[in-house]
Structure formats: C-alpha cells, structure tokens
C-alpha atoms as a PDB file:
ATOM      1  CA  MET A   1     115.056  50.555 -82.664  1.00  0.00           C
ATOM      2  CA  THR A   2     116.135  53.290 -80.250  1.00  0.00           C
ATOM      3  CA  ARG A   3     113.721  56.209 -80.075  1.00  0.00           C
ATOM      4  CA  GLU A   4     115.194  59.639 -79.558  1.00  0.00           C
ATOM      5  CA  PHE A   5     113.733  63.138 -79.535  1.00  0.00           C
ATOM      6  CA  SER A   6     115.568  66.394 -80.079  1.00  0.00           C
ATOM      7  CA  VAL A   7     114.389  69.018 -77.583  1.00  0.00           C
ATOM      8  CA  ALA A   8     115.129  72.734 -77.340  1.00  0.00           C
ATOM      9  CA  ALA A   9     114.741  75.038 -74.330  1.00  0.00           C
ATOM     10  CA  LEU A  10     114.738  78.701 -75.304  1.00  0.00           C
ATOM     11  CA  CYS A  11     116.189  81.660 -73.439  1.00  0.00           C
ATOM     12  CA  MET A  12     114.717  85.150 -73.957  1.00  0.00           C
ATOM     13  CA  ASN A  13     114.889  88.672 -72.598  1.00  0.00           C
ATOM     14  CA  THR A  14     111.236  89.702 -72.580  1.00  0.00           C
ATOM     15  CA  ASN A  15     110.104  93.275 -71.937  1.00  0.00           C
ATOM     16  CA  GLY A  16     106.867  95.272 -72.115  1.00  0.00           C
ATOM     17  CA  ASP A  17     106.644  95.302 -75.932  1.00  0.00           C
ATOM     18  CA  LYS A  18     104.343  92.388 -76.769  1.00  0.00           C
ATOM     19  CA  ALA A  19     104.761  92.633 -80.543  1.00  0.00           C
ATOM     20  CA  ARG A  20     108.551  92.640 -80.240  1.00  0.00           C
ATOM     21  CA  ASN A  21     108.564  89.715 -77.804  1.00  0.00           C
ATOM     22  CA  THR A  22     106.277  87.493 -79.855  1.00  0.00           C
ATOM     23  CA  ALA A  23     108.325  88.179 -82.985  1.00  0.00           C
ATOM     24  CA  ILE A  24     111.531  87.158 -81.180  1.00  0.00           C
ATOM     25  CA  ALA A  25     109.830  84.063 -79.766  1.00  0.00           C
ATOM     26  CA  GLU A  26     108.643  83.007 -83.208  1.00  0.00           C
ATOM     27  CA  ALA A  27     112.117  83.499 -84.678  1.00  0.00           C
ATOM     28  CA  LEU A  28     113.687  81.381 -81.919  1.00  0.00           C
ATOM     29  CA  VAL A  29     111.122  78.617 -82.390  1.00  0.00           C
ATOM     30  CA  ARG A  30     111.816  78.611 -86.123  1.00  0.00           C
ATOM     31  CA  ASP A  31     115.576  78.500 -85.503  1.00  0.00           C
ATOM     32  CA  ALA A  32     115.181  75.572 -83.113  1.00  0.00           C
ATOM     33  CA  ALA A  33     112.971  73.691 -85.570  1.00  0.00           C
ATOM     34  CA  SER A  34     115.460  74.338 -88.390  1.00  0.00           C
ATOM     35  CA  ALA A  35     118.175  72.843 -86.170  1.00  0.00           C
ATOM     36  CA  GLY A  36     116.132  69.671 -85.863  1.00  0.00           C
ATOM     37  CA  ALA A  37     114.313  70.125 -82.556  1.00  0.00           C
ATOM     38  CA  GLY A  38     110.981  68.315 -82.396  1.00  0.00           C
ATOM     39  CA  TRP A  39     110.025  69.514 -78.899  1.00  0.00           C
ATOM     40  CA  ILE A  40     110.490  73.252 -78.319  1.00  0.00           C
ATOM     41  CA  MET A  41     109.914  75.200 -75.092  1.00  0.00           C
ATOM     42  CA  LEU A  42     109.528  78.946 -74.639  1.00  0.00           C
ATOM     43  CA  PRO A  43     110.174  80.578 -71.239  1.00  0.00           C
ATOM     44  CA  GLU A  44     107.696  81.860 -68.693  1.00  0.00           C
ATOM     45  CA  VAL A  45     105.920  85.168 -69.540  1.00  0.00           C
ATOM     46  CA  PHE A  46     107.563  85.138 -72.972  1.00  0.00           C
ATOM     47  CA  PRO A  47     105.038  87.448 -74.732  1.00  0.00           C
ATOM     48  CA  TRP A  48     105.036  90.213 -72.133  1.00  0.00           C
ATOM     49  CA  HIS A  49     106.815  91.064 -68.895  1.00  0.00           C
ATOM     50  CA  GLY A  50     105.783  94.333 -67.300  1.00  0.00           C
ATOM     51  CA  PRO A  51     103.958  96.051 -64.430  1.00  0.00           C
ATOM     52  CA  TYR A  52     100.911  94.397 -62.925  1.00  0.00           C
ATOM     53  CA  SER A  53      98.866  97.500 -63.679  1.00  0.00           C
ATOM     54  CA  ASP A  54      98.986  96.466 -67.366  1.00  0.00           C
ATOM     55  CA  ILE A  55      98.880  92.700 -66.977  1.00  0.00           C
ATOM     56  CA  PHE A  56      95.187  92.220 -67.756  1.00  0.00           C
ATOM     57  CA  LEU A  57      95.411  94.442 -70.838  1.00  0.00           C
ATOM     58  CA  ASN A  58      98.226  92.299 -72.248  1.00  0.00           C
ATOM     59  CA  ALA A  59      96.626  88.962 -71.306  1.00  0.00           C
ATOM     60  CA  GLU A  60      94.313  86.966 -73.558  1.00  0.00           C
ATOM     61  CA  THR A  61      91.648  84.303 -73.353  1.00  0.00           C
ATOM     62  CA  GLU A  62      92.477  80.686 -74.102  1.00  0.00           C
ATOM     63  CA  ASP A  63      91.105  81.017 -77.653  1.00  0.00           C
ATOM     64  CA  GLY A  64      92.715  84.431 -78.241  1.00  0.00           C
ATOM     65  CA  PRO A  65      94.887  85.464 -81.198  1.00  0.00           C
ATOM     66  CA  LEU A  66      98.187  84.601 -79.511  1.00  0.00           C
ATOM     67  CA  ASN A  67      97.229  80.970 -78.915  1.00  0.00           C
ATOM     68  CA  GLN A  68      95.852  80.742 -82.428  1.00  0.00           C
ATOM     69  CA  LYS A  69      99.208  81.950 -83.713  1.00  0.00           C
ATOM     70  CA  LEU A  70     101.124  79.492 -81.536  1.00  0.00           C
ATOM     71  CA  ALA A  71      98.920  76.588 -82.574  1.00  0.00           C
ATOM     72  CA  GLY A  72      99.449  77.528 -86.212  1.00  0.00           C
ATOM     73  CA  LEU A  73     103.208  77.728 -85.704  1.00  0.00           C
ATOM     74  CA  ALA A  74     103.329  74.261 -84.132  1.00  0.00           C
ATOM     75  CA  LYS A  75     101.288  72.866 -87.027  1.00  0.00           C
ATOM     76  CA  GLU A  76     103.366  74.605 -89.689  1.00  0.00           C
ATOM     77  CA  LEU A  77     106.670  73.400 -88.239  1.00  0.00           C
ATOM     78  CA  LYS A  78     105.252  70.016 -87.146  1.00  0.00           C
ATOM     79  CA  VAL A  79     106.716  70.344 -83.652  1.00  0.00           C
ATOM     80  CA  ILE A  80     105.552  69.920 -80.074  1.00  0.00           C
ATOM     81  CA  LEU A  81     105.435  73.493 -78.771  1.00  0.00           C
ATOM     82  CA  PHE A  82     105.541  74.129 -75.027  1.00  0.00           C
ATOM     83  CA  ALA A  83     104.355  77.718 -75.241  1.00  0.00           C
ATOM     84  CA  GLY A  84     106.146  78.967 -72.138  1.00  0.00           C
ATOM     85  CA  THR A  85     103.525  80.828 -70.160  1.00  0.00           C
ATOM     86  CA  VAL A  86     101.102  83.569 -71.102  1.00  0.00           C
ATOM     87  CA  GLY A  87      98.714  85.716 -69.134  1.00  0.00           C
ATOM     88  CA  GLU A  88      95.296  84.043 -69.319  1.00  0.00           C
ATOM     89  CA  ARG A  89      92.239  86.114 -68.505  1.00  0.00           C
ATOM     90  CA  PRO A  90      89.839  84.364 -66.094  1.00  0.00           C
ATOM     91  CA  GLY A  91      86.901  82.686 -67.786  1.00  0.00           C
ATOM     92  CA  ALA A  92      83.259  82.365 -66.801  1.00  0.00           C
ATOM     93  CA  ALA A  93      84.014  79.444 -64.476  1.00  0.00           C
ATOM     94  CA  ASP A  94      86.497  81.584 -62.520  1.00  0.00           C
ATOM     95  CA  GLN A  95      84.260  84.551 -61.774  1.00  0.00           C
ATOM     96  CA  SER A  96      83.211  83.300 -58.327  1.00  0.00           C
ATOM     97  CA  ARG A  97      86.750  83.706 -56.983  1.00  0.00           C
ATOM     98  CA  ALA A  98      87.220  86.363 -54.327  1.00  0.00           C
ATOM     99  CA  ASP A  99      90.737  87.294 -55.482  1.00  0.00           C
ATOM    100  CA  LEU A 100      90.113  88.462 -59.050  1.00  0.00           C
ATOM    101  CA  THR A 101      91.616  91.873 -58.263  1.00  0.00           C
ATOM    102  CA  ASN A 102      94.712  92.940 -56.343  1.00  0.00           C
ATOM    103  CA  SER A 103      95.148  95.393 -53.476  1.00  0.00           C
ATOM    104  CA  LYS A 104      94.855  98.301 -55.942  1.00  0.00           C
ATOM    105  CA  GLY A 105      91.691  96.985 -57.552  1.00  0.00           C
ATOM    106  CA  GLU A 106      93.517  95.906 -60.716  1.00  0.00           C
ATOM    107  CA  LYS A 107      92.398  92.750 -62.520  1.00  0.00           C
ATOM    108  CA  LYS A 108      94.583  89.657 -62.163  1.00  0.00           C
ATOM    109  CA  VAL A 109      95.223  86.830 -64.621  1.00  0.00           C
ATOM    110  CA  PHE A 110      96.423  83.237 -64.550  1.00  0.00           C
ATOM    111  CA  ASN A 111     100.024  82.416 -65.448  1.00  0.00           C
ATOM    112  CA  THR A 112      99.264  79.610 -67.859  1.00  0.00           C
ATOM    113  CA  SER A 113     101.375  77.129 -69.802  1.00  0.00           C
ATOM    114  CA  TYR A 114      99.878  75.673 -72.979  1.00  0.00           C
ATOM    115  CA  VAL A 115     101.238  72.737 -74.966  1.00  0.00           C
ATOM    116  CA  PHE A 116     100.451  72.385 -78.677  1.00  0.00           C
ATOM    117  CA  GLY A 117     100.814  69.262 -80.777  1.00  0.00           C
ATOM    118  CA  ARG A 118     102.203  68.787 -84.266  1.00  0.00           C
ATOM    119  CA  ASP A 119      98.701  69.173 -85.681  1.00  0.00           C
ATOM    120  CA  GLY A 120      98.124  72.427 -83.817  1.00  0.00           C
ATOM    121  CA  SER A 121      95.795  70.901 -81.234  1.00  0.00           C
ATOM    122  CA  MET A 122      96.120  71.799 -77.556  1.00  0.00           C
ATOM    123  CA  LEU A 123      97.606  68.809 -75.762  1.00  0.00           C
ATOM    124  CA  GLY A 124      97.657  70.293 -72.281  1.00  0.00           C
ATOM    125  CA  LYS A 125      97.217  73.362 -70.132  1.00  0.00           C
ATOM    126  CA  TYR A 126      98.559  74.155 -66.676  1.00  0.00           C
ATOM    127  CA  ARG A 127      97.963  77.209 -64.485  1.00  0.00           C
ATOM    128  CA  LYS A 128     100.864  78.009 -62.160  1.00  0.00           C
ATOM    129  CA  ILE A 129     100.119  76.915 -58.610  1.00  0.00           C
ATOM    130  CA  HIS A 130     102.995  78.345 -56.552  1.00  0.00           C
ATOM    131  CA  LEU A 131     103.249  82.140 -56.725  1.00  0.00           C
ATOM    132  CA  PHE A 132     106.562  83.799 -55.871  1.00  0.00           C
ATOM    133  CA  ASN A 133     105.957  86.251 -53.017  1.00  0.00           C
ATOM    134  CA  LEU A 134     109.166  87.612 -51.521  1.00  0.00           C
ATOM    135  CA  THR A 135     109.801  90.424 -49.046  1.00  0.00           C
ATOM    136  CA  ALA A 136     112.989  92.151 -47.954  1.00  0.00           C
ATOM    137  CA  ALA A 137     114.237  92.060 -44.354  1.00  0.00           C
ATOM    138  CA  ASP A 138     112.337  95.287 -43.608  1.00  0.00           C
ATOM    139  CA  GLY A 139     109.089  93.781 -44.875  1.00  0.00           C
ATOM    140  CA  THR A 140     109.096  95.618 -48.216  1.00  0.00           C
ATOM    141  CA  PRO A 141     107.728  93.409 -51.029  1.00  0.00           C
ATOM    142  CA  THR A 142     110.381  92.743 -53.672  1.00  0.00           C
ATOM    143  CA  HIS A 143     108.443  90.191 -55.719  1.00  0.00           C
ATOM    144  CA  CYS A 144     104.734  89.618 -55.188  1.00  0.00           C
ATOM    145  CA  GLU A 145     103.267  87.530 -57.986  1.00  0.00           C
ATOM    146  CA  SER A 146      99.937  87.258 -56.190  1.00  0.00           C
ATOM    147  CA  GLU A 147      99.437  90.975 -56.919  1.00  0.00           C
ATOM    148  CA  GLY A 148      99.307  90.179 -60.636  1.00  0.00           C
ATOM    149  CA  PHE A 149      98.455  86.506 -60.894  1.00  0.00           C
ATOM    150  CA  LEU A 150      95.760  84.136 -59.732  1.00  0.00           C
ATOM    151  CA  SER A 151      97.003  80.740 -58.581  1.00  0.00           C
ATOM    152  CA  GLY A 152      95.946  77.522 -60.248  1.00  0.00           C
ATOM    153  CA  ASP A 153      94.990  74.464 -58.220  1.00  0.00           C
ATOM    154  CA  LYS A 154      95.395  71.440 -60.520  1.00  0.00           C
ATOM    155  CA  PRO A 155      98.688  69.684 -61.276  1.00  0.00           C
ATOM    156  CA  GLN A 156      98.723  68.529 -64.884  1.00  0.00           C
ATOM    157  CA  THR A 157     100.512  65.893 -66.934  1.00  0.00           C
ATOM    158  CA  VAL A 158     100.308  65.077 -70.618  1.00  0.00           C
ATOM    159  CA  VAL A 159     101.504  62.087 -72.636  1.00  0.00           C
ATOM    160  CA  ILE A 160     103.620  63.033 -75.650  1.00  0.00           C
ATOM    161  CA  ASP A 161     105.264  60.487 -77.949  1.00  0.00           C
ATOM    162  CA  GLY A 162     104.637  57.834 -75.303  1.00  0.00           C
ATOM    163  CA  LEU A 163     106.360  59.821 -72.534  1.00  0.00           C
ATOM    164  CA  LYS A 164     104.567  61.150 -69.462  1.00  0.00           C
ATOM    165  CA  VAL A 165     105.385  64.848 -69.152  1.00  0.00           C
ATOM    166  CA  GLY A 166     104.836  66.757 -65.914  1.00  0.00           C
ATOM    167  CA  LEU A 167     103.949  70.411 -66.421  1.00  0.00           C
ATOM    168  CA  SER A 168     105.389  72.944 -63.977  1.00  0.00           C
ATOM    169  CA  ILE A 169     106.355  76.620 -63.962  1.00  0.00           C
ATOM    170  CA  CYS A 170     109.343  78.364 -62.363  1.00  0.00           C
ATOM    171  CA  TYR A 171     108.725  78.648 -58.592  1.00  0.00           C
ATOM    172  CA  ASP A 172     107.057  75.218 -58.595  1.00  0.00           C
ATOM    173  CA  LEU A 173     110.611  73.892 -58.883  1.00  0.00           C
ATOM    174  CA  ARG A 174     111.185  74.447 -55.150  1.00  0.00           C
ATOM    175  CA  PHE A 175     108.372  72.161 -53.952  1.00  0.00           C
ATOM    176  CA  PRO A 176     109.129  68.417 -54.055  1.00  0.00           C
ATOM    177  CA  GLU A 177     105.593  67.579 -52.926  1.00  0.00           C
ATOM    178  CA  PHE A 178     104.266  69.110 -56.133  1.00  0.00           C
ATOM    179  CA  PHE A 179     106.308  66.712 -58.264  1.00  0.00           C
ATOM    180  CA  SER A 180     105.125  63.797 -56.147  1.00  0.00           C
ATOM    181  CA  MET A 181     101.594  64.751 -57.153  1.00  0.00           C
ATOM    182  CA  LEU A 182     102.612  64.838 -60.819  1.00  0.00           C
ATOM    183  CA  ALA A 183     103.926  61.294 -60.406  1.00  0.00           C
ATOM    184  CA  ALA A 184     100.678  59.955 -58.973  1.00  0.00           C
ATOM    185  CA  GLY A 185      99.703  56.907 -60.993  1.00  0.00           C
ATOM    186  CA  GLY A 186     103.222  56.445 -62.320  1.00  0.00           C
ATOM    187  CA  PRO A 187     106.484  58.369 -62.567  1.00  0.00           C
ATOM    188  CA  VAL A 188     106.955  61.240 -64.973  1.00  0.00           C
ATOM    189  CA  ASP A 189     109.483  60.750 -67.768  1.00  0.00           C
ATOM    190  CA  VAL A 190     110.034  64.418 -68.586  1.00  0.00           C
ATOM    191  CA  ILE A 191     109.574  67.496 -66.405  1.00  0.00           C
ATOM    192  CA  ALA A 192     108.805  70.716 -68.294  1.00  0.00           C
ATOM    193  CA  ILE A 193     109.761  73.942 -66.495  1.00  0.00           C
ATOM    194  CA  PRO A 194     109.320  77.235 -68.381  1.00  0.00           C
ATOM    195  CA  SER A 195     110.686  79.916 -66.054  1.00  0.00           C
ATOM    196  CA  ALA A 196     111.651  83.497 -65.333  1.00  0.00           C
ATOM    197  CA  PHE A 197     113.962  82.482 -62.482  1.00  0.00           C
ATOM    198  CA  THR A 198     115.474  85.553 -60.860  1.00  0.00           C
ATOM    199  CA  LEU A 199     119.148  86.437 -61.119  1.00  0.00           C
ATOM    200  CA  ALA A 200     119.545  86.770 -57.344  1.00  0.00           C
ATOM    201  CA  THR A 201     118.319  83.257 -56.592  1.00  0.00           C
ATOM    202  CA  GLY A 202     119.202  81.629 -59.890  1.00  0.00           C
ATOM    203  CA  MET A 203     122.947  81.924 -59.456  1.00  0.00           C
ATOM    204  CA  TYR A 204     122.674  79.737 -56.357  1.00  0.00           C
ATOM    205  CA  HIS A 205     119.702  77.458 -56.891  1.00  0.00           C
ATOM    206  CA  TRP A 206     118.625  77.159 -60.553  1.00  0.00           C
ATOM    207  CA  GLU A 207     120.927  74.400 -61.777  1.00  0.00           C
ATOM    208  CA  LEU A 208     121.009  72.739 -58.356  1.00  0.00           C
ATOM    209  CA  LEU A 209     117.224  72.360 -58.235  1.00  0.00           C
ATOM    210  CA  LEU A 210     116.904  71.293 -61.872  1.00  0.00           C
ATOM    211  CA  ARG A 211     119.424  68.526 -61.340  1.00  0.00           C
ATOM    212  CA  ALA A 212     117.806  67.527 -58.046  1.00  0.00           C
ATOM    213  CA  ARG A 213     114.380  67.113 -59.667  1.00  0.00           C
ATOM    214  CA  ALA A 214     115.941  65.060 -62.487  1.00  0.00           C
ATOM    215  CA  VAL A 215     117.731  62.743 -60.056  1.00  0.00           C
ATOM    216  CA  GLU A 216     114.729  62.409 -57.717  1.00  0.00           C
ATOM    217  CA  TRP A 217     112.416  61.306 -60.505  1.00  0.00           C
ATOM    218  CA  GLN A 218     115.001  59.758 -62.824  1.00  0.00           C
ATOM    219  CA  ALA A 219     113.491  61.908 -65.531  1.00  0.00           C
ATOM    220  CA  TYR A 220     114.651  64.399 -68.115  1.00  0.00           C
ATOM    221  CA  VAL A 221     114.214  68.045 -67.159  1.00  0.00           C
ATOM    222  CA  VAL A 222     113.677  70.598 -69.915  1.00  0.00           C
ATOM    223  CA  ALA A 223     113.848  74.139 -68.559  1.00  0.00           C
ATOM    224  CA  ALA A 224     113.480  77.341 -70.573  1.00  0.00           C
ATOM    225  CA  ASN A 225     114.325  80.607 -68.806  1.00  0.00           C
ATOM    226  CA  GLN A 226     114.323  84.358 -69.096  1.00  0.00           C
ATOM    227  CA  THR A 227     117.601  86.254 -68.954  1.00  0.00           C
ATOM    228  CA  GLY A 228     118.903  89.765 -68.368  1.00  0.00           C
ATOM    229  CA  VAL A 229     117.200  92.925 -67.115  1.00  0.00           C
ATOM    230  CA  HIS A 230     113.498  93.336 -67.904  1.00  0.00           C
ATOM    231  CA  ALA A 231     112.832  96.530 -65.950  1.00  0.00           C
ATOM    232  CA  PRO A 232     114.490  98.369 -63.059  1.00  0.00           C
ATOM    233  CA  GLY A 233     114.943  95.873 -60.246  1.00  0.00           C
ATOM    234  CA  LYS A 234     113.828  92.870 -62.326  1.00  0.00           C
ATOM    235  CA  ALA A 235     116.469  90.562 -63.781  1.00  0.00           C
ATOM    236  CA  SER A 236     116.514  86.864 -64.665  1.00  0.00           C
ATOM    237  CA  PHE A 237     119.329  84.334 -64.521  1.00  0.00           C
ATOM    238  CA  GLY A 238     119.178  82.775 -67.999  1.00  0.00           C
ATOM    239  CA  HIS A 239     120.798  79.381 -68.594  1.00  0.00           C
ATOM    240  CA  ALA A 240     118.011  77.435 -70.241  1.00  0.00           C
ATOM    241  CA  MET A 241     118.981  73.801 -69.700  1.00  0.00           C
ATOM    242  CA  VAL A 242     118.301  70.175 -70.488  1.00  0.00           C
ATOM    243  CA  ILE A 243     119.208  67.692 -67.731  1.00  0.00           C
ATOM    244  CA  ASP A 244     119.225  63.904 -68.083  1.00  0.00           C
ATOM    245  CA  PRO A 245     117.810  61.372 -65.553  1.00  0.00           C
ATOM    246  CA  TRP A 246     121.229  60.893 -63.939  1.00  0.00           C
ATOM    247  CA  GLY A 247     121.639  64.629 -63.319  1.00  0.00           C
ATOM    248  CA  HIS A 248     124.003  65.303 -66.223  1.00  0.00           C
ATOM    249  CA  LYS A 249     123.633  68.720 -67.838  1.00  0.00           C
ATOM    250  CA  LEU A 250     123.192  68.059 -71.551  1.00  0.00           C
ATOM    251  CA  ALA A 251     122.732  71.643 -72.748  1.00  0.00           C
ATOM    252  CA  ASP A 252     122.984  75.177 -71.364  1.00  0.00           C
ATOM    253  CA  SER A 253     122.153  78.351 -73.300  1.00  0.00           C
ATOM    254  CA  GLY A 254     124.317  80.559 -71.070  1.00  0.00           C
ATOM    255  CA  ASN A 255     123.240  83.934 -69.728  1.00  0.00           C
ATOM    256  CA  HIS A 256     122.197  85.377 -73.084  1.00  0.00           C
ATOM    257  CA  PRO A 257     119.181  84.767 -75.344  1.00  0.00           C
ATOM    258  CA  GLY A 258     119.546  81.566 -77.314  1.00  0.00           C
ATOM    259  CA  ILE A 259     118.780  77.863 -77.516  1.00  0.00           C
ATOM    260  CA  ALA A 260     119.765  74.884 -75.368  1.00  0.00           C
ATOM    261  CA  ARG A 261     119.286  71.783 -77.530  1.00  0.00           C
ATOM    262  CA  ALA A 262     119.806  68.131 -76.623  1.00  0.00           C
ATOM    263  CA  THR A 263     118.516  64.634 -77.348  1.00  0.00           C
ATOM    264  CA  ILE A 264     116.317  62.729 -74.933  1.00  0.00           C
ATOM    265  CA  SER A 265     115.915  58.953 -75.079  1.00  0.00           C
ATOM    266  CA  PRO A 266     113.265  56.749 -73.448  1.00  0.00           C
ATOM    267  CA  ASP A 267     115.851  53.941 -73.464  1.00  0.00           C
ATOM    268  CA  LYS A 268     118.113  56.011 -71.211  1.00  0.00           C
ATOM    269  CA  ILE A 269     115.257  56.614 -68.797  1.00  0.00           C
ATOM    270  CA  ASN A 270     114.725  52.871 -68.546  1.00  0.00           C
ATOM    271  CA  PHE A 271     118.456  52.232 -68.245  1.00  0.00           C
ATOM    272  CA  TYR A 272     118.955  54.594 -65.309  1.00  0.00           C
ATOM    273  CA  ARG A 273     115.843  53.339 -63.524  1.00  0.00           C
ATOM    274  CA  ALA A 274     117.092  49.773 -63.878  1.00  0.00           C
ATOM    275  CA  GLN A 275     120.538  50.744 -62.532  1.00  0.00           C
ATOM    276  CA  LEU A 276     119.067  52.403 -59.442  1.00  0.00           C
ATOM    277  CA  PRO A 277     115.471  51.335 -58.662  1.00  0.00           C
ATOM    278  CA  ALA A 278     114.761  54.256 -56.346  1.00  0.00           C
ATOM    279  CA  LEU A 279     111.272  54.814 -57.781  1.00  0.00           C
ATOM    280  CA  ALA A 280     110.359  51.187 -57.194  1.00  0.00           C
ATOM    281  CA  ASN A 281     111.764  51.362 -53.649  1.00  0.00           C
ATOM    282  CA  ARG A 282     109.542  54.255 -52.545  1.00  0.00           C
ATOM    283  CA  ARG A 283     107.463  53.508 -49.421  1.00  0.00           C
ATOM    284  CA  HIS A 284     104.104  54.982 -50.338  1.00  0.00           C
ATOM    285  CA  ASP A 285     102.489  53.052 -47.497  1.00  0.00           C
ATOM    286  CA  ILE A 286     104.563  55.166 -45.079  1.00  0.00           C
ATOM    287  CA  TYR A 287     104.417  58.463 -46.928  1.00  0.00           C
ATOM    288  CA  ARG A 288     100.634  58.526 -46.934  1.00  0.00           C
ATOM    289  CA  ARG A 289     100.274  58.267 -43.188  1.00  0.00           C
ATOM    290  CA  PRO A 290      98.801  61.420 -41.552  1.00  0.00           C
END
C-alpha cells in the first residue's frame, strides 16, 4: 500500500503583537488540519517579530506557556506540528557563553524550532546555526541577527512516520555543507525550512535554493515563510512552498498569508533515487580529505 502524507507550509505576516500573531497562527494551523494536513509548519519568528531591544521580553523558556499551547494544539488536532521558530531564552547550561548580550547590553535569545508529535510530545528541537548578518556598501548594518540571537551549534534530524527529517531555518538554506551534515549516517527524506526570507533576496534566490536543496538530496522540501512588511525597512518574500525530490514545485502560497498544501510520498522518494542514483554515487572518500 502506498503511504502518503498531506503537508502544509504556512505563510504569515508577523508583527510586534504577540497575542495577535499567536491567534493568527493557531487559526492557520486549524485551517490546515481541517483541510486534511497531517504535517503542518509555521514560519520563522511566527509569534513575534520586532526590535531586538524587546526580543528577550517576548521570548520564553522551552517549557513556557507558548510551547505548552503548541503541544496541546498538536495533540488536539492529532498533527505533526513544526512550530516555526520562537525566541528561546538561554537556559542554565548556556550561561557560560560570552555573547549573551549584544553591543547595547541587551539580552539575546536563541532562534529555536520545535517539533511536536500527535500526542503533544516534543519530537525535536533545533537552534538556528547560521545568523543573517548583512551590511550595505557603506558598511551600515541592514540585517544583523547576531545582535538579537545566539547561534546554535548542533545540526538536528528527527524521524517522523518513518521519514528522516532534517531541521533547518531560513539562512541555513544557503549553506550546502550544513545539509551534508544533516545527511550524515544516511540521506534526509524531508527538509524542513521555516523562514522569514527577505523580500530583497527572496525574489531572486528563495525558490531557486529550495529547488536546489530538493534536487541535491532527492528529498521533499517543506518551507514556510513570512510575507509582507513587518516594520519600516523589514519585509519578507512570502511564497511558502512544497518541493518534490525532482525539483517540482507542488504548492506555493503566493505573496500573501495563507497555506501551501501538498502530498508527499515515500514511494516517490525511492522512485527518484532509483532513477538517478546520485546519493549512492557520492565520493565520501574524496570529500573527507583535508
């Protein structure tokens, strides 16, 4: 019997009103579940997107009320919930870091993606490794995530419904080496990419990179994204997407809030890998040379 899973990547326009954002996120998750989606993904920074001066105030601990709510929602709807990303306050094990505050002395947080199972349990957790630091030609910072966020240092995968899922976040998309690490011990079957990919770069690179990662790893890519203007000078590209292992775009939410829903099939993963055995033809003995 062919196994198939209906997945949904959500597109939101998050702002600095946490209560408003979480209410919209919950409504979208419920809509996606009502439409039959069994795996649902929220975008990066879905509960709050605002100035770094307020980032710690709006962040929570891993066992905080937001995660309790998300776990309960996954259990109620009996879905796999990729909870986008949220600001995670550093725990006791993180207090030895030298970069807990930014250049203004403000507390930083991790940009963390949690995954909840159908029973509400936490299946996985990944802290964003690559932080988006961008400067204009005159040296003026235009995006500097390291002023608000601490970087993680551990790539993470999780097995869901028999599929190996690689967890990534937004800017990670640009680093092929990162995905090679996710595939250590065996290729990933699905790549999860909650994002707030900028409008300026997204119009050129978003779909291109999503399709490239899918083709490279002969894996499905499920990518939620932010859209529209969040604050003066901050805008996201939208177009939450689902891409298949051959690079076909199966769903696209467009540049407005909404849902990109498609069906993924382990049989199709196997079919494409049998048609073109690129993963089997990799020369790891060469790649690992210093």
